[in-house]
Amino acid sequence: MTAAAIRSAAEAGAALAVRAEPAPGREFRIEVEFDAAHLAAASRLYRLSNGSECLRAAYTADSAYRLIRTFKTVTTMAAAAVEANYG
């Protein structure tokens, strides 16, 4: 492989790296299952909760970015609800 071939392949790959707008009307969903009901209840305090079963909380978002941020918020809330001396 020559330097010219590597450069050509790198330029072709870089040309594909463009920012695209998200597809309109797409909805992303995540459902988180916990091992204790009080953790699921704590995570459902987040305003975007769609409710769910006793040990689960479900969330939807209009972008993957927002869904990831929601997941981080929900898991942080659940972690804060863990009892210090469990059992």
Protein backbone atom coordinates (compact mmCIF):
# COMPACT_ATOMS: atom_id res chain seq x y z
CA MET A 1 0.00 0.00 0.00
CA THR A 2 1.42 3.34 -1.00
CA ALA A 3 1.05 6.71 0.65
CA ALA A 4 -1.03 7.89 -2.31
CA ALA A 5 -3.46 4.97 -1.90
CA ILE A 6 -3.78 5.65 1.83
CA ARG A 7 -4.34 9.36 1.20
CA SER A 8 -6.96 8.60 -1.46
CA ALA A 9 -8.83 6.21 0.85
CA ALA A 10 -8.68 8.73 3.71
CA GLU A 11 -10.07 11.50 1.49
CA ALA A 12 -12.89 9.23 0.29
CA GLY A 13 -13.76 8.34 3.88
CA ALA A 14 -13.64 11.96 5.02
CA ALA A 15 -16.04 12.94 2.22
CA LEU A 16 -18.63 10.57 3.71
CA ALA A 17 -18.41 12.20 7.16
CA VAL A 18 -21.10 14.85 6.87
CA ARG A 19 -23.67 15.92 9.43
CA ALA A 20 -27.18 14.86 8.49
CA GLU A 21 -30.38 16.09 10.06
CA PRO A 22 -32.40 13.46 11.92
CA ALA A 23 -35.26 11.84 10.09
CA PRO A 24 -38.48 13.73 10.87
CA GLY A 25 -41.12 11.97 12.90
CA ARG A 26 -38.76 9.35 14.30
CA GLU A 27 -39.23 8.37 17.91
CA PHE A 28 -36.67 6.59 20.08
CA ARG A 29 -37.69 4.50 23.07
CA ILE A 30 -35.85 2.99 25.99
CA GLU A 31 -37.15 0.82 28.79
CA VAL A 32 -35.03 0.41 31.91
CA GLU A 33 -35.53 -2.55 34.24
CA PHE A 34 -34.39 -2.23 37.86
CA ASP A 35 -33.87 -4.86 40.55
CA ALA A 36 -35.93 -2.97 43.16
CA ALA A 37 -39.28 -1.24 42.85
CA HIS A 38 -38.17 1.89 44.71
CA LEU A 39 -35.42 2.48 42.13
CA ALA A 40 -37.93 2.30 39.29
CA ALA A 41 -40.24 4.64 41.22
CA ALA A 42 -37.40 7.12 41.75
CA SER A 43 -36.53 7.08 38.06
CA ARG A 44 -40.16 7.64 37.10
CA LEU A 45 -40.06 11.00 38.90
CA TYR A 46 -38.30 12.30 35.82
CA ARG A 47 -40.81 14.32 33.83
CA LEU A 48 -40.56 12.29 30.62
CA SER A 49 -41.55 8.97 32.14
CA ASN A 50 -44.18 6.97 30.28
CA GLY A 51 -44.82 4.83 33.33
CA SER A 52 -44.48 1.09 33.06
CA GLU A 53 -44.47 -2.01 35.23
CA CYS A 54 -43.34 -2.16 38.86
CA LEU A 55 -39.65 -2.69 38.11
CA ARG A 56 -39.50 -0.84 34.79
CA ALA A 57 -39.59 2.71 33.55
CA ALA A 58 -40.04 3.65 29.90
CA TYR A 59 -39.00 6.81 28.08
CA THR A 60 -39.27 8.17 24.55
CA ALA A 61 -37.42 10.99 22.83
CA ASP A 62 -37.34 12.58 19.41
CA SER A 63 -33.59 12.09 18.99
CA ALA A 64 -30.97 9.57 20.05
CA TYR A 65 -29.04 12.38 21.74
CA ARG A 66 -32.00 13.25 23.96
CA LEU A 67 -32.62 9.60 24.70
CA ILE A 68 -29.02 9.14 25.85
CA ARG A 69 -29.29 12.23 28.06
CA THR A 70 -32.56 10.91 29.48
CA PHE A 71 -30.96 7.53 30.21
CA LYS A 72 -28.11 9.24 32.06
CA THR A 73 -30.56 11.32 34.11
CA VAL A 74 -32.72 8.32 34.96
CA THR A 75 -29.81 6.13 36.02
CA THR A 76 -28.36 8.96 38.12
CA MET A 77 -31.71 9.39 39.89
CA ALA A 78 -31.94 5.65 40.53
CA ALA A 79 -28.35 5.56 41.84
CA ALA A 80 -29.20 8.34 44.29
CA ALA A 81 -32.13 6.27 45.57
CA VAL A 82 -29.97 3.26 46.49
CA GLU A 83 -29.95 2.68 50.23
CA ALA A 84 -26.55 2.93 51.90
CA ASN A 85 -27.02 -0.25 53.95
CA TYR A 86 -29.03 -2.54 51.73
CA GLY A 87 -30.17 -5.84 53.21
